[in-house]
Amino acid sequence: MEIAIYTPTELLRPFIKTYKIIESREELVNRVVPSTSFAMAFRFRGQISYVNDTDKTALPIATFSGLRKSVRLINYAPKTGALIVLLKETGVSAFFKQPLHEMFEASVSLDNFFPQSEISIVEECLAETENNQTRIAIIEQFLYSKLAYHKPDPLVSEAITKIYSKNGIIRIRQLADGLYISQDAFEKRFRKVTGTTPKQFSSIVKMKAIIRQYPAPSSFLDIALENGYYDQPHFNKNFKLFTGQTPTDFFKSTSYW
C-alpha cells in the first residue's frame, strides 16, 4: 500500500485536515481505527469493500463516513486507488447541514447529500488523470463549490483544544464547568458540531494517544491505569473494540491508519 498525504490550500485549511491518496498494487485489507474526523472518500480506480467477518460489502465510488467507536476493515482490490478527504472536527458543518450525529457509525453514498450529476463529473475527472496534484485540484474545486457560510462555535473549539491537551483524559462535567455552561447544554452544542458526544470524542482521542505513544517503557497494566482505566481487562476490552485486536497483536501489525 502506498499512502501520499497532501495539505489543503489556504482557503480550505480551516475546514480540511488533510488529503490522503491510497493506492494498492495487490489485494489487501487495511485496518482503520476510529478518528475524530468525518471523511469523504473518492475511489478513482479498482474496488473498495468493507469486510464484515467473511463477507464483503462494496462501497460506493464516493462515500461520506461519520465518526465511529469501533475499527473498520477495508478491502482494497488489486490496483485500487482512492482519495480521502479528512475534515476538521469543526469544519464538517461548512459542507453538510444535515444532523451530523445521525452519521455516527455510518458510511453512505455521497449522493445522499449532493447531486449525483455533480459527483459523476468529479468521478469521471478523477478516473481520467494519473497525476495526484491534479486529483487534489479536482476535489478542491468540488469542495469550493460546496463551501457554505460557516460560523464556528468558539466554545466547542475551546473544548476540543482542552480534550486534546489532556489526551482525552478529562471529566466532561469539569470540562463544562470550566466553560461556564451546563453539562446538558454543552453536550448538545458539542454533538451538533462534531457529530458525537464529548465523552465518546474524548475516548477516541485517548485511545489514539495511547497508540501514538506506544512503544513505551510501561506495561499494558501501567498504560491502562495511567489513562484512567480501572484495570487491564477493562482497558483490553476497550482497546479490542477500538482496534479489533488485543494490544499485543495490534502492535505487531503494520497495516493500519
C-alpha atoms as a PDB file:
ATOM      1  CA  MET A   1       0.000   0.000   0.000  1.00  0.00           C
ATOM      2  CA  GLU A   2       1.217   3.472  -0.866  1.00  0.00           C
ATOM      3  CA  ILE A   3      -0.141   6.477   1.045  1.00  0.00           C
ATOM      4  CA  ALA A   4       0.566  10.055  -0.053  1.00  0.00           C
ATOM      5  CA  ILE A   5      -0.512  12.957   2.186  1.00  0.00           C
ATOM      6  CA  TYR A   6      -1.325  16.459   0.933  1.00  0.00           C
ATOM      7  CA  THR A   7      -2.108  19.745   2.686  1.00  0.00           C
ATOM      8  CA  PRO A   8      -5.219  21.742   1.684  1.00  0.00           C
ATOM      9  CA  THR A   9      -4.930  25.159   0.103  1.00  0.00           C
ATOM     10  CA  GLU A  10      -5.236  28.143   2.427  1.00  0.00           C
ATOM     11  CA  LEU A  11      -8.937  28.756   1.777  1.00  0.00           C
ATOM     12  CA  LEU A  12      -9.885  25.202   2.740  1.00  0.00           C
ATOM     13  CA  ARG A  13      -7.392  24.791   5.588  1.00  0.00           C
ATOM     14  CA  PRO A  14      -9.882  25.910   8.289  1.00  0.00           C
ATOM     15  CA  PHE A  15     -12.164  23.026   7.280  1.00  0.00           C
ATOM     16  CA  ILE A  16      -9.932  20.240   5.941  1.00  0.00           C
ATOM     17  CA  LYS A  17      -7.207  18.463   7.929  1.00  0.00           C
ATOM     18  CA  THR A  18      -5.522  16.642   5.106  1.00  0.00           C
ATOM     19  CA  TYR A  19      -5.940  14.643   1.917  1.00  0.00           C
ATOM     20  CA  LYS A  20      -4.725  11.065   1.629  1.00  0.00           C
ATOM     21  CA  ILE A  21      -4.287   9.219  -1.645  1.00  0.00           C
ATOM     22  CA  ILE A  22      -4.157   5.481  -1.031  1.00  0.00           C
ATOM     23  CA  GLU A  23      -3.131   3.036  -3.744  1.00  0.00           C
ATOM     24  CA  SER A  24      -2.748  -0.745  -3.626  1.00  0.00           C
ATOM     25  CA  ARG A  25      -0.796  -2.857  -6.090  1.00  0.00           C
ATOM     26  CA  GLU A  26      -2.054  -6.152  -4.649  1.00  0.00           C
ATOM     27  CA  GLU A  27      -5.211  -7.073  -2.747  1.00  0.00           C
ATOM     28  CA  LEU A  28      -5.010  -6.162   0.937  1.00  0.00           C
ATOM     29  CA  VAL A  29      -7.108  -5.457   3.993  1.00  0.00           C
ATOM     30  CA  ASN A  30      -6.460  -2.157   5.728  1.00  0.00           C
ATOM     31  CA  ARG A  31      -7.334  -1.636   9.393  1.00  0.00           C
ATOM     32  CA  VAL A  32      -8.816   1.834  10.002  1.00  0.00           C
ATOM     33  CA  VAL A  33      -9.093   2.754  13.681  1.00  0.00           C
ATOM     34  CA  PRO A  34     -11.638   5.374  14.821  1.00  0.00           C
ATOM     35  CA  SER A  35     -10.835   9.038  14.309  1.00  0.00           C
ATOM     36  CA  THR A  36     -12.356  12.377  15.293  1.00  0.00           C
ATOM     37  CA  SER A  37     -12.623  13.331  11.608  1.00  0.00           C
ATOM     38  CA  PHE A  38     -15.514  12.867   9.232  1.00  0.00           C
ATOM     39  CA  ALA A  39     -14.263  11.643   5.873  1.00  0.00           C
ATOM     40  CA  MET A  40     -15.183  11.814   2.211  1.00  0.00           C
ATOM     41  CA  ALA A  41     -13.677   9.089   0.030  1.00  0.00           C
ATOM     42  CA  PHE A  42     -13.490   9.139  -3.778  1.00  0.00           C
ATOM     43  CA  ARG A  43     -12.429   5.899  -5.474  1.00  0.00           C
ATOM     44  CA  PHE A  44     -10.787   6.565  -8.829  1.00  0.00           C
ATOM     45  CA  ARG A  45      -9.697   3.033  -9.658  1.00  0.00           C
ATOM     46  CA  GLY A  46     -10.479  -0.555  -8.662  1.00  0.00           C
ATOM     47  CA  GLN A  47     -12.868  -1.658  -5.900  1.00  0.00           C
ATOM     48  CA  ILE A  48     -13.100  -0.999  -2.156  1.00  0.00           C
ATOM     49  CA  SER A  49     -15.234  -3.027   0.266  1.00  0.00           C
ATOM     50  CA  TYR A  50     -15.946  -3.219   3.972  1.00  0.00           C
ATOM     51  CA  VAL A  51     -15.064  -6.589   5.482  1.00  0.00           C
ATOM     52  CA  ASN A  52     -17.574  -7.991   7.985  1.00  0.00           C
ATOM     53  CA  ASP A  53     -16.471 -11.394   9.282  1.00  0.00           C
ATOM     54  CA  THR A  54     -16.118 -13.280   5.995  1.00  0.00           C
ATOM     55  CA  ASP A  55     -18.416 -11.033   3.937  1.00  0.00           C
ATOM     56  CA  LYS A  56     -17.527  -8.042   1.787  1.00  0.00           C
ATOM     57  CA  THR A  57     -19.784  -5.038   1.198  1.00  0.00           C
ATOM     58  CA  ALA A  58     -18.778  -2.956  -1.822  1.00  0.00           C
ATOM     59  CA  LEU A  59     -18.586   0.771  -1.125  1.00  0.00           C
ATOM     60  CA  PRO A  60     -19.931   3.446  -3.485  1.00  0.00           C
ATOM     61  CA  ILE A  61     -17.453   5.309  -5.657  1.00  0.00           C
ATOM     62  CA  ALA A  62     -17.972   8.410  -3.499  1.00  0.00           C
ATOM     63  CA  THR A  63     -18.640   7.853   0.215  1.00  0.00           C
ATOM     64  CA  PHE A  64     -19.259  10.010   3.280  1.00  0.00           C
ATOM     65  CA  SER A  65     -18.369   8.465   6.653  1.00  0.00           C
ATOM     66  CA  GLY A  66     -19.174   9.626  10.155  1.00  0.00           C
ATOM     67  CA  LEU A  67     -17.289   9.043  13.379  1.00  0.00           C
ATOM     68  CA  ARG A  68     -17.059   5.536  14.793  1.00  0.00           C
ATOM     69  CA  LYS A  69     -16.245   3.885  18.112  1.00  0.00           C
ATOM     70  CA  SER A  70     -15.027   0.652  16.517  1.00  0.00           C
ATOM     71  CA  VAL A  71     -12.467  -0.424  13.932  1.00  0.00           C
ATOM     72  CA  ARG A  72     -13.241  -0.833  10.228  1.00  0.00           C
ATOM     73  CA  LEU A  73     -11.592  -3.429   7.995  1.00  0.00           C
ATOM     74  CA  ILE A  74     -11.404  -2.229   4.399  1.00  0.00           C
ATOM     75  CA  ASN A  75     -10.527  -4.498   1.487  1.00  0.00           C
ATOM     76  CA  TYR A  76      -8.646  -2.945  -1.432  1.00  0.00           C
ATOM     77  CA  ALA A  77      -8.780  -4.972  -4.637  1.00  0.00           C
ATOM     78  CA  PRO A  78      -5.586  -5.140  -6.730  1.00  0.00           C
ATOM     79  CA  LYS A  79      -4.705  -1.858  -8.454  1.00  0.00           C
ATOM     80  CA  THR A  80      -7.167   0.197  -6.427  1.00  0.00           C
ATOM     81  CA  GLY A  81      -6.832   3.909  -5.710  1.00  0.00           C
ATOM     82  CA  ALA A  82      -8.824   6.327  -3.552  1.00  0.00           C
ATOM     83  CA  LEU A  83      -8.598   9.939  -2.417  1.00  0.00           C
ATOM     84  CA  ILE A  84      -9.665  10.540   1.191  1.00  0.00           C
ATOM     85  CA  VAL A  85     -10.692  13.975   2.483  1.00  0.00           C
ATOM     86  CA  LEU A  86     -10.312  14.173   6.270  1.00  0.00           C
ATOM     87  CA  LEU A  87     -12.353  17.057   7.634  1.00  0.00           C
ATOM     88  CA  LYS A  88     -11.526  19.060  10.725  1.00  0.00           C
ATOM     89  CA  GLU A  89     -13.743  18.444  13.750  1.00  0.00           C
ATOM     90  CA  THR A  90     -15.293  21.915  13.491  1.00  0.00           C
ATOM     91  CA  GLY A  91     -15.217  22.110   9.687  1.00  0.00           C
ATOM     92  CA  VAL A  92     -17.657  19.458   8.569  1.00  0.00           C
ATOM     93  CA  SER A  93     -20.727  21.662   9.049  1.00  0.00           C
ATOM     94  CA  ALA A  94     -19.309  24.065   6.460  1.00  0.00           C
ATOM     95  CA  PHE A  95     -20.227  21.472   3.817  1.00  0.00           C
ATOM     96  CA  PHE A  96     -23.051  19.447   5.409  1.00  0.00           C
ATOM     97  CA  LYS A  97     -26.165  20.890   7.010  1.00  0.00           C
ATOM     98  CA  GLN A  98     -27.765  17.586   7.996  1.00  0.00           C
ATOM     99  CA  PRO A  99     -27.695  16.496  11.684  1.00  0.00           C
ATOM    100  CA  LEU A 100     -24.191  15.084  11.998  1.00  0.00           C
ATOM    101  CA  HIS A 101     -24.925  12.738  14.912  1.00  0.00           C
ATOM    102  CA  GLU A 102     -27.102  10.680  12.555  1.00  0.00           C
ATOM    103  CA  MET A 103     -23.901   9.687  10.737  1.00  0.00           C
ATOM    104  CA  PHE A 104     -22.313   8.046  13.792  1.00  0.00           C
ATOM    105  CA  GLU A 105     -21.042   4.558  12.806  1.00  0.00           C
ATOM    106  CA  ALA A 106     -22.407   5.123   9.281  1.00  0.00           C
ATOM    107  CA  SER A 107     -20.948   5.301   5.770  1.00  0.00           C
ATOM    108  CA  VAL A 108     -23.266   6.277   2.915  1.00  0.00           C
ATOM    109  CA  SER A 109     -23.073   7.298  -0.698  1.00  0.00           C
ATOM    110  CA  LEU A 110     -22.179  10.962  -1.116  1.00  0.00           C
ATOM    111  CA  ASP A 111     -25.141  11.441  -3.454  1.00  0.00           C
ATOM    112  CA  ASN A 112     -27.352  11.451  -0.339  1.00  0.00           C
ATOM    113  CA  PHE A 113     -26.050  14.982   0.201  1.00  0.00           C
ATOM    114  CA  PHE A 114     -25.027  16.371  -3.183  1.00  0.00           C
ATOM    115  CA  PRO A 115     -26.495  15.957  -6.712  1.00  0.00           C
ATOM    116  CA  GLN A 116     -25.415  12.749  -8.412  1.00  0.00           C
ATOM    117  CA  SER A 117     -24.733  14.669 -11.631  1.00  0.00           C
ATOM    118  CA  GLU A 118     -22.051  16.760  -9.897  1.00  0.00           C
ATOM    119  CA  ILE A 119     -20.481  13.752  -8.195  1.00  0.00           C
ATOM    120  CA  SER A 120     -20.373  11.871 -11.501  1.00  0.00           C
ATOM    121  CA  ILE A 121     -18.370  14.710 -13.079  1.00  0.00           C
ATOM    122  CA  VAL A 122     -15.849  14.515 -10.214  1.00  0.00           C
ATOM    123  CA  GLU A 123     -15.623  10.723 -10.558  1.00  0.00           C
ATOM    124  CA  GLU A 124     -15.007  10.946 -14.310  1.00  0.00           C
ATOM    125  CA  CYS A 125     -12.335  13.620 -13.936  1.00  0.00           C
ATOM    126  CA  LEU A 126     -10.524  11.639 -11.242  1.00  0.00           C
ATOM    127  CA  ALA A 127     -10.554   8.493 -13.357  1.00  0.00           C
ATOM    128  CA  GLU A 128      -9.059  10.305 -16.341  1.00  0.00           C
ATOM    129  CA  THR A 129      -5.897  11.566 -14.628  1.00  0.00           C
ATOM    130  CA  GLU A 130      -2.816   9.784 -13.270  1.00  0.00           C
ATOM    131  CA  ASN A 131      -1.459  12.865 -11.505  1.00  0.00           C
ATOM    132  CA  ASN A 132      -2.063  13.259  -7.777  1.00  0.00           C
ATOM    133  CA  GLN A 133      -1.795  17.045  -7.819  1.00  0.00           C
ATOM    134  CA  THR A 134      -4.469  17.172 -10.495  1.00  0.00           C
ATOM    135  CA  ARG A 135      -6.655  14.850  -8.424  1.00  0.00           C
ATOM    136  CA  ILE A 136      -6.328  17.187  -5.444  1.00  0.00           C
ATOM    137  CA  ALA A 137      -7.212  20.185  -7.636  1.00  0.00           C
ATOM    138  CA  ILE A 138     -10.355  18.395  -8.893  1.00  0.00           C
ATOM    139  CA  ILE A 139     -11.502  17.631  -5.340  1.00  0.00           C
ATOM    140  CA  GLU A 140     -10.738  21.127  -4.095  1.00  0.00           C
ATOM    141  CA  GLN A 141     -12.758  22.665  -6.919  1.00  0.00           C
ATOM    142  CA  PHE A 142     -15.688  20.467  -5.864  1.00  0.00           C
ATOM    143  CA  LEU A 143     -15.230  21.424  -2.191  1.00  0.00           C
ATOM    144  CA  TYR A 144     -15.066  25.136  -3.045  1.00  0.00           C
ATOM    145  CA  SER A 145     -18.437  24.813  -4.775  1.00  0.00           C
ATOM    146  CA  LYS A 146     -19.974  23.252  -1.639  1.00  0.00           C
ATOM    147  CA  LEU A 147     -18.451  25.585   0.917  1.00  0.00           C
ATOM    148  CA  ALA A 148     -21.206  27.497   2.702  1.00  0.00           C
ATOM    149  CA  TYR A 149     -21.019  30.353   5.190  1.00  0.00           C
ATOM    150  CA  HIS A 150     -19.645  28.880   8.352  1.00  0.00           C
ATOM    151  CA  LYS A 151     -19.514  30.491  11.782  1.00  0.00           C
ATOM    152  CA  PRO A 152     -17.553  28.236  14.126  1.00  0.00           C
ATOM    153  CA  ASP A 153     -18.701  27.681  17.692  1.00  0.00           C
ATOM    154  CA  PRO A 154     -15.848  29.085  19.822  1.00  0.00           C
ATOM    155  CA  LEU A 155     -16.987  27.186  22.915  1.00  0.00           C
ATOM    156  CA  VAL A 156     -16.828  23.820  21.148  1.00  0.00           C
ATOM    157  CA  SER A 157     -13.497  24.740  19.577  1.00  0.00           C
ATOM    158  CA  GLU A 158     -12.092  25.514  23.023  1.00  0.00           C
ATOM    159  CA  ALA A 159     -13.497  22.256  24.382  1.00  0.00           C
ATOM    160  CA  ILE A 160     -11.799  20.273  21.610  1.00  0.00           C
ATOM    161  CA  THR A 161      -8.497  22.011  22.346  1.00  0.00           C
ATOM    162  CA  LYS A 162      -8.800  21.129  26.044  1.00  0.00           C
ATOM    163  CA  ILE A 163      -9.653  17.492  25.262  1.00  0.00           C
ATOM    164  CA  TYR A 164      -6.601  17.152  23.029  1.00  0.00           C
ATOM    165  CA  SER A 165      -4.347  18.887  25.570  1.00  0.00           C
ATOM    166  CA  LYS A 166      -5.338  16.235  28.132  1.00  0.00           C
ATOM    167  CA  ASN A 167      -5.056  13.357  25.616  1.00  0.00           C
ATOM    168  CA  GLY A 168      -8.742  12.663  26.213  1.00  0.00           C
ATOM    169  CA  ILE A 169      -8.336  12.089  29.959  1.00  0.00           C
ATOM    170  CA  ILE A 170     -10.850  14.629  31.190  1.00  0.00           C
ATOM    171  CA  ARG A 171     -14.164  14.648  33.065  1.00  0.00           C
ATOM    172  CA  ILE A 172     -16.991  16.069  30.980  1.00  0.00           C
ATOM    173  CA  ARG A 173     -18.664  17.806  33.919  1.00  0.00           C
ATOM    174  CA  GLN A 174     -15.432  19.568  34.825  1.00  0.00           C
ATOM    175  CA  LEU A 175     -14.927  20.493  31.172  1.00  0.00           C
ATOM    176  CA  ALA A 176     -18.413  22.033  31.011  1.00  0.00           C
ATOM    177  CA  ASP A 177     -17.902  23.847  34.330  1.00  0.00           C
ATOM    178  CA  GLY A 178     -14.635  25.311  33.045  1.00  0.00           C
ATOM    179  CA  LEU A 179     -16.501  26.650  30.012  1.00  0.00           C
ATOM    180  CA  TYR A 180     -19.256  28.154  32.244  1.00  0.00           C
ATOM    181  CA  ILE A 181     -22.079  26.148  30.691  1.00  0.00           C
ATOM    182  CA  SER A 182     -24.375  23.414  31.991  1.00  0.00           C
ATOM    183  CA  GLN A 183     -23.350  19.886  31.054  1.00  0.00           C
ATOM    184  CA  ASP A 184     -26.594  19.227  29.177  1.00  0.00           C
ATOM    185  CA  ALA A 185     -26.336  22.405  27.067  1.00  0.00           C
ATOM    186  CA  PHE A 186     -22.649  21.738  26.433  1.00  0.00           C
ATOM    187  CA  GLU A 187     -23.246  18.187  25.233  1.00  0.00           C
ATOM    188  CA  LYS A 188     -25.969  19.333  22.823  1.00  0.00           C
ATOM    189  CA  ARG A 189     -23.731  22.019  21.295  1.00  0.00           C
ATOM    190  CA  PHE A 190     -20.775  19.671  21.111  1.00  0.00           C
ATOM    191  CA  ARG A 191     -22.733  16.913  19.385  1.00  0.00           C
ATOM    192  CA  LYS A 192     -24.206  19.375  16.876  1.00  0.00           C
ATOM    193  CA  VAL A 193     -20.707  20.448  15.767  1.00  0.00           C
ATOM    194  CA  THR A 194     -18.779  17.178  15.974  1.00  0.00           C
ATOM    195  CA  GLY A 195     -21.440  14.518  15.428  1.00  0.00           C
ATOM    196  CA  THR A 196     -20.747  12.758  18.722  1.00  0.00           C
ATOM    197  CA  THR A 197     -20.805  13.307  22.477  1.00  0.00           C
ATOM    198  CA  PRO A 198     -17.872  14.833  24.374  1.00  0.00           C
ATOM    199  CA  LYS A 199     -17.396  11.515  26.202  1.00  0.00           C
ATOM    200  CA  GLN A 200     -17.157   9.480  23.010  1.00  0.00           C
ATOM    201  CA  PHE A 201     -14.953  12.100  21.389  1.00  0.00           C
ATOM    202  CA  SER A 202     -12.618  12.052  24.389  1.00  0.00           C
ATOM    203  CA  SER A 203     -12.421   8.260  24.341  1.00  0.00           C
ATOM    204  CA  ILE A 204     -11.300   8.348  20.683  1.00  0.00           C
ATOM    205  CA  VAL A 205      -8.661  10.990  21.474  1.00  0.00           C
ATOM    206  CA  LYS A 206      -7.450   8.950  24.467  1.00  0.00           C
ATOM    207  CA  MET A 207      -7.082   5.691  22.559  1.00  0.00           C
ATOM    208  CA  LYS A 208      -5.395   7.410  19.617  1.00  0.00           C
ATOM    209  CA  ALA A 209      -2.926   8.983  22.065  1.00  0.00           C
ATOM    210  CA  ILE A 210      -2.164   5.574  23.574  1.00  0.00           C
ATOM    211  CA  ILE A 211      -1.494   4.129  20.121  1.00  0.00           C
ATOM    212  CA  ARG A 212       0.641   7.119  19.137  1.00  0.00           C
ATOM    213  CA  GLN A 213       2.772   6.921  22.296  1.00  0.00           C
ATOM    214  CA  TYR A 214       3.489   3.203  22.043  1.00  0.00           C
ATOM    215  CA  PRO A 215       6.010   1.598  22.402  1.00  0.00           C
ATOM    216  CA  ALA A 216       6.561   2.912  25.893  1.00  0.00           C
ATOM    217  CA  PRO A 217       8.536   1.578  28.835  1.00  0.00           C
ATOM    218  CA  SER A 218       5.306   0.940  30.743  1.00  0.00           C
ATOM    219  CA  SER A 219       3.471  -2.358  30.822  1.00  0.00           C
ATOM    220  CA  PHE A 220      -0.062  -2.561  29.443  1.00  0.00           C
ATOM    221  CA  LEU A 221      -1.314  -2.531  33.045  1.00  0.00           C
ATOM    222  CA  ASP A 222       0.582   0.702  33.717  1.00  0.00           C
ATOM    223  CA  ILE A 223      -0.743   2.190  30.469  1.00  0.00           C
ATOM    224  CA  ALA A 224      -4.296   1.241  31.498  1.00  0.00           C
ATOM    225  CA  LEU A 225      -4.012   2.820  34.941  1.00  0.00           C
ATOM    226  CA  GLU A 226      -2.245   5.938  33.635  1.00  0.00           C
ATOM    227  CA  ASN A 227      -5.114   6.514  31.220  1.00  0.00           C
ATOM    228  CA  GLY A 228      -7.954   6.226  33.694  1.00  0.00           C
ATOM    229  CA  TYR A 229      -8.961   2.578  33.289  1.00  0.00           C
ATOM    230  CA  TYR A 230      -9.867   0.631  36.430  1.00  0.00           C
ATOM    231  CA  ASP A 231      -7.844  -2.431  35.439  1.00  0.00           C
ATOM    232  CA  GLN A 232      -6.195  -4.108  32.461  1.00  0.00           C
ATOM    233  CA  PRO A 233      -9.230  -6.255  31.440  1.00  0.00           C
ATOM    234  CA  HIS A 234     -11.302  -3.053  31.119  1.00  0.00           C
ATOM    235  CA  PHE A 235      -8.531  -1.477  29.019  1.00  0.00           C
ATOM    236  CA  ASN A 236      -8.145  -4.620  26.880  1.00  0.00           C
ATOM    237  CA  LYS A 237     -11.888  -4.716  26.168  1.00  0.00           C
ATOM    238  CA  ASN A 238     -11.986  -1.078  25.018  1.00  0.00           C
ATOM    239  CA  PHE A 239      -8.779  -1.477  23.052  1.00  0.00           C
ATOM    240  CA  LYS A 240     -10.130  -4.508  21.175  1.00  0.00           C
ATOM    241  CA  LEU A 241     -13.368  -2.668  20.327  1.00  0.00           C
ATOM    242  CA  PHE A 242     -11.295   0.254  19.039  1.00  0.00           C
ATOM    243  CA  THR A 243      -8.761  -1.747  17.009  1.00  0.00           C
ATOM    244  CA  GLY A 244     -10.291  -5.206  16.581  1.00  0.00           C
ATOM    245  CA  GLN A 245      -7.232  -6.768  18.239  1.00  0.00           C
ATOM    246  CA  THR A 246      -5.613  -7.217  21.623  1.00  0.00           C
ATOM    247  CA  PRO A 247      -2.871  -4.679  22.431  1.00  0.00           C
ATOM    248  CA  THR A 248      -0.165  -7.313  21.903  1.00  0.00           C
ATOM    249  CA  ASP A 249      -1.493  -8.378  18.492  1.00  0.00           C
ATOM    250  CA  PHE A 250      -2.236  -4.834  17.337  1.00  0.00           C
ATOM    251  CA  PHE A 251       1.259  -3.513  17.912  1.00  0.00           C
ATOM    252  CA  LYS A 252       2.715  -6.417  15.939  1.00  0.00           C
ATOM    253  CA  SER A 253       0.651  -5.270  12.955  1.00  0.00           C
ATOM    254  CA  THR A 254       1.750  -2.631  10.445  1.00  0.00           C
ATOM    255  CA  SER A 255      -1.381  -2.343   8.297  1.00  0.00           C
ATOM    256  CA  TYR A 256      -3.468   0.342   9.997  1.00  0.00           C
ATOM    257  CA  TRP A 257      -4.009   4.082   9.895  1.00  0.00           C
END
